[in-house]
Amino acid sequence: MNNEIHNRKYLKTFRKELRNNATKAETKLWQALKRSQLDNRKFRRQHSIENYIVDFYCPSEKLIVEIDGKVHDNSVNNDYDYKRTKELEKLGFKVIRFSNDDVFKNLDLILEAIKQEFK
């Protein structure tokens, strides 16, 4: 793994804080992703890439899964999310997003959508 862009030390405390204070939606999705349960793919949570901390990251697929709560429902955060996604895509990552509501109402569909991104 390229340590130049992954899990930079100055973000370690913040990553740990995010893991320890995960949203209910993140916790629910993590239960389905951890320990390589989804098609034997390893996921990391609150992984940093460059200066961004992503919710879930699958290294073998270069896949980022973001779970968005209500805080993302405004133009400022939408613009930031868009720019962030474009930056991560330029680095060769695929970013997919779901809402908290989707996690609670359609977890099986989300897991299927994630699997569809596997090579």
Protein backbone atom coordinates (compact mmCIF):
# COMPACT_ATOMS: atom_id res chain seq x y z
CA MET A 1 0.00 0.00 0.00
CA ASN A 2 1.23 3.47 -0.83
CA ASN A 3 1.85 5.09 2.57
CA GLU A 4 2.32 8.44 0.88
CA ILE A 5 -1.45 8.72 0.44
CA HIS A 6 -2.91 6.11 2.81
CA ASN A 7 -3.53 6.58 6.55
CA ARG A 8 -1.34 9.60 7.09
CA LYS A 9 -0.18 9.75 10.71
CA TYR A 10 -1.59 13.19 11.44
CA LEU A 11 -5.11 11.82 10.77
CA LYS A 12 -4.75 8.76 13.03
CA THR A 13 -6.43 10.29 16.09
CA PHE A 14 -9.30 11.64 14.00
CA ARG A 15 -9.78 8.29 12.22
CA LYS A 16 -9.92 6.51 15.58
CA GLU A 17 -12.41 9.08 16.91
CA LEU A 18 -14.65 8.53 13.87
CA ARG A 19 -14.48 4.74 14.32
CA ASN A 20 -15.35 5.05 18.00
CA ASN A 21 -18.26 7.41 17.26
CA ALA A 22 -19.71 5.77 14.15
CA THR A 23 -23.24 6.59 13.11
CA LYS A 24 -25.90 3.91 13.49
CA ALA A 25 -25.95 3.49 9.70
CA GLU A 26 -22.16 3.05 9.54
CA THR A 27 -22.31 0.50 12.37
CA LYS A 28 -25.06 -1.45 10.61
CA LEU A 29 -23.18 -1.56 7.29
CA TRP A 30 -19.91 -2.43 9.04
CA GLN A 31 -21.59 -5.51 10.55
CA ALA A 32 -22.12 -6.77 6.98
CA LEU A 33 -18.68 -5.78 5.65
CA LYS A 34 -16.24 -6.66 8.42
CA ARG A 35 -14.19 -9.86 8.49
CA SER A 36 -14.36 -10.18 4.68
CA GLN A 37 -18.01 -11.29 4.83
CA LEU A 38 -18.97 -9.71 1.51
CA ASP A 39 -17.61 -11.90 -1.29
CA ASN A 40 -14.41 -12.43 0.69
CA ARG A 41 -13.36 -8.78 0.19
CA LYS A 42 -11.56 -7.00 3.01
CA PHE A 43 -12.93 -3.60 3.96
CA ARG A 44 -11.41 -0.99 6.23
CA ARG A 45 -13.46 1.64 7.99
CA GLN A 46 -12.52 5.28 8.48
CA HIS A 47 -9.50 4.85 6.21
CA SER A 48 -7.68 7.94 5.04
CA ILE A 49 -6.59 8.60 1.49
CA GLU A 50 -4.59 11.79 1.07
CA ASN A 51 -6.36 14.29 3.35
CA TYR A 52 -9.76 12.57 3.15
CA ILE A 53 -11.18 10.04 5.59
CA VAL A 54 -13.55 7.67 3.83
CA ASP A 55 -16.23 5.63 5.58
CA PHE A 56 -15.32 2.25 4.06
CA TYR A 57 -12.50 1.22 1.75
CA CYS A 58 -11.88 -2.06 -0.07
CA PRO A 59 -8.19 -2.08 -1.07
CA SER A 60 -8.40 -5.00 -3.53
CA GLU A 61 -11.12 -3.20 -5.50
CA LYS A 62 -9.94 0.39 -4.88
CA LEU A 63 -13.56 0.94 -3.88
CA ILE A 64 -14.78 3.59 -1.45
CA VAL A 65 -18.25 3.37 0.11
CA GLU A 66 -19.65 6.53 1.68
CA ILE A 67 -22.73 6.67 3.92
CA ASP A 68 -24.34 10.11 3.93
CA GLY A 69 -26.57 11.42 6.68
CA LYS A 70 -28.76 14.52 6.70
CA VAL A 71 -25.67 16.73 7.12
CA HIS A 72 -24.92 16.11 3.44
CA ASP A 73 -28.33 17.47 2.33
CA ASN A 74 -27.26 21.01 1.47
CA SER A 75 -25.45 22.74 -1.38
CA VAL A 76 -22.23 23.41 0.57
CA ASN A 77 -21.75 19.78 1.55
CA ASN A 78 -22.94 18.55 -1.85
CA ASP A 79 -20.27 20.70 -3.53
CA TYR A 80 -17.61 19.44 -1.11
CA ASP A 81 -18.67 15.80 -1.62
CA TYR A 82 -18.57 16.27 -5.40
CA LYS A 83 -15.06 17.77 -5.36
CA ARG A 84 -13.85 15.13 -2.91
CA THR A 85 -15.23 12.34 -5.09
CA LYS A 86 -13.56 13.83 -8.20
CA GLU A 87 -10.20 14.06 -6.37
CA LEU A 88 -10.44 10.43 -5.22
CA GLU A 89 -11.46 9.29 -8.72
CA LYS A 90 -8.40 11.08 -10.18
CA LEU A 91 -6.30 8.90 -7.85
CA GLY A 92 -7.91 5.79 -9.36
CA PHE A 93 -10.58 5.04 -6.75
CA LYS A 94 -14.25 4.30 -7.38
CA VAL A 95 -16.60 6.10 -4.98
CA ILE A 96 -20.19 5.02 -4.35
CA ARG A 97 -22.58 6.75 -1.95
CA PHE A 98 -25.67 5.69 -0.05
CA SER A 99 -27.88 7.50 2.42
CA ASN A 100 -28.36 6.50 6.05
CA ASP A 101 -31.99 5.76 5.19
CA ASP A 102 -30.90 3.34 2.44
CA VAL A 103 -28.79 1.41 4.94
CA PHE A 104 -31.76 0.96 7.28
CA LYS A 105 -34.38 0.26 4.62
CA ASN A 106 -32.46 -1.56 1.86
CA LEU A 107 -29.30 -3.12 3.29
CA ASP A 108 -29.53 -6.15 1.01
CA LEU A 109 -29.78 -3.90 -2.06
CA ILE A 110 -26.79 -1.86 -0.88
CA LEU A 111 -24.69 -4.99 -0.41
CA GLU A 112 -25.71 -6.15 -3.88
CA ALA A 113 -24.79 -2.74 -5.34
CA ILE A 114 -21.38 -2.92 -3.66
CA LYS A 115 -20.82 -6.42 -5.07
CA GLN A 116 -21.70 -5.13 -8.55
CA GLU A 117 -18.63 -2.88 -8.31
CA PHE A 118 -16.26 -5.83 -7.74
CA LYS A 119 -14.08 -6.74 -10.70
